[in-house]
Protein backbone atom coordinates (compact mmCIF):
# COMPACT_ATOMS: atom_id res chain seq x y z
CA VAL A 1 -32.17 18.79 -54.06
CA SER A 2 -31.07 15.90 -56.23
CA LEU A 3 -33.99 14.23 -57.63
CA GLY A 4 -32.21 11.13 -59.05
CA MET A 5 -34.51 11.43 -61.92
CA GLU A 6 -31.84 11.19 -64.55
CA SER A 7 -30.91 7.39 -64.43
CA GLY A 8 -33.96 5.84 -65.49
CA PHE A 9 -36.31 8.75 -67.24
CA GLY A 10 -34.06 9.23 -70.44
CA SER A 11 -34.13 5.67 -71.40
CA ASP A 12 -37.64 5.31 -71.37
CA PHE A 13 -37.96 7.92 -73.99
CA GLY A 14 -35.64 6.37 -76.33
CA SER A 15 -37.21 2.90 -76.39
CA GLY A 16 -40.59 3.86 -77.38
CA GLY A 17 -41.90 0.87 -75.94
CA GLY A 18 -41.28 -1.15 -79.02
CA GLY A 19 -43.76 0.74 -81.11
CA GLY A 20 -41.81 1.91 -84.00
CA GLY A 21 -39.94 4.86 -82.20
CA LYS A 22 -43.36 6.37 -81.52
CA LEU A 23 -43.89 8.28 -78.09
CA ASP A 24 -46.98 7.35 -76.23
CA PRO A 25 -48.05 10.91 -74.60
CA GLY A 26 -50.19 9.01 -72.01
CA LEU A 27 -47.04 7.01 -70.92
CA ILE A 28 -45.04 9.95 -70.76
CA MET A 29 -47.57 11.89 -68.76
CA GLU A 30 -47.73 8.96 -66.19
CA GLN A 31 -43.78 8.90 -65.92
CA VAL A 32 -43.91 12.58 -65.43
CA LYS A 33 -46.37 12.31 -62.66
CA VAL A 34 -44.65 9.57 -60.93
CA GLN A 35 -41.35 11.60 -61.08
CA ILE A 36 -43.13 14.81 -59.66
CA ALA A 37 -44.70 12.74 -56.88
CA VAL A 38 -41.39 11.40 -56.09
CA ALA A 39 -39.84 14.96 -56.03
CA ASN A 40 -42.60 16.11 -53.57
CA ALA A 41 -41.93 13.19 -51.34
CA GLN A 42 -38.40 13.92 -51.16
CA GLU A 43 -38.83 17.60 -50.61
CA LEU A 44 -41.49 16.86 -47.95
CA LEU A 45 -38.80 14.65 -46.13
CA GLN A 46 -36.02 17.19 -46.42
CA ARG A 47 -37.95 19.70 -45.00
CA MET A 48 -39.24 17.97 -42.20
CA THR A 49 -35.82 16.37 -41.56
CA ASP A 50 -34.26 19.96 -41.66
CA LYS A 51 -36.99 21.85 -39.28
CA CYS A 52 -37.21 18.82 -36.72
CA PHE A 53 -33.36 18.67 -36.56
CA ARG A 54 -32.87 22.62 -35.98
CA LYS A 55 -35.77 22.26 -33.23
CA CYS A 56 -34.70 19.22 -31.29
CA ILE A 57 -30.82 18.92 -31.73
CA GLY A 58 -28.89 21.50 -29.56
CA LYS A 59 -25.59 19.79 -29.64
CA PRO A 60 -25.07 17.18 -32.37
CA GLY A 61 -23.13 14.25 -30.96
CA GLY A 62 -22.67 10.65 -31.90
CA ALA A 63 -25.95 9.50 -30.67
CA LEU A 64 -29.60 11.02 -29.93
CA ASP A 65 -30.43 11.24 -25.91
CA ASN A 66 -33.73 10.16 -24.71
CA SER A 67 -35.39 13.77 -24.95
CA GLU A 68 -34.02 14.34 -28.45
CA GLN A 69 -35.61 10.99 -29.56
CA LYS A 70 -38.85 12.09 -28.17
CA CYS A 71 -38.59 15.58 -29.58
CA ILE A 72 -37.83 14.28 -33.14
CA ALA A 73 -40.61 11.80 -32.96
CA MET A 74 -43.15 14.34 -31.76
CA CYS A 75 -41.92 16.94 -34.33
CA MET A 76 -42.09 14.66 -37.18
CA ASP A 77 -45.88 13.52 -36.09
CA ARG A 78 -46.65 17.20 -35.88
CA TYR A 79 -45.23 18.03 -39.18
CA MET A 80 -46.75 15.16 -40.83
CA ASP A 81 -50.42 15.85 -39.29
CA SER A 82 -50.06 19.62 -40.57
CA TRP A 83 -48.82 18.71 -44.09
CA ASN A 84 -51.92 16.12 -44.39
CA THR A 85 -54.18 18.87 -43.12
CA VAL A 86 -53.04 21.22 -45.47
CA SER A 87 -53.05 18.83 -48.39
CA ARG A 88 -56.72 17.80 -47.57
CA ALA A 89 -57.99 21.69 -47.60
CA TYR A 90 -55.88 22.13 -50.85
CA ASN A 91 -57.33 19.40 -52.48
CA SER A 92 -60.92 20.47 -51.41
CA ARG A 93 -60.53 23.74 -52.59
CA LEU A 94 -59.37 22.60 -55.99
CA GLN A 95 -62.22 20.19 -56.24
CA ARG A 96 -64.84 23.02 -55.31
CA GLU A 97 -63.08 25.42 -57.68
CA ARG A 98 -63.15 22.94 -60.61
CA ALA A 99 -66.94 21.96 -60.12
CA ASN A 100 -67.80 25.70 -60.17
CA MET A 101 -65.92 26.09 -63.54
């Protein structure tokens, strides 16, 4: 999976934001968090595309017929609903575990 992170990420480190060449750890962490979020979104989209294509497209051609379009739409809706449910449960568990520390 190509994340496209190489282009702007390295140049931000070199600039130092005009602070005499010193790196701001907070800014670096924010940049890393954004890059991770982008990578996660790209991976989610790729996995959903792969799974729904395999499920719905029997014979690839130049266009999708009506049933393929409906299948893709339903598959993507179910995939996103499932992902959101798992994500909420995971975040809830993390919060409970942090509260118990």
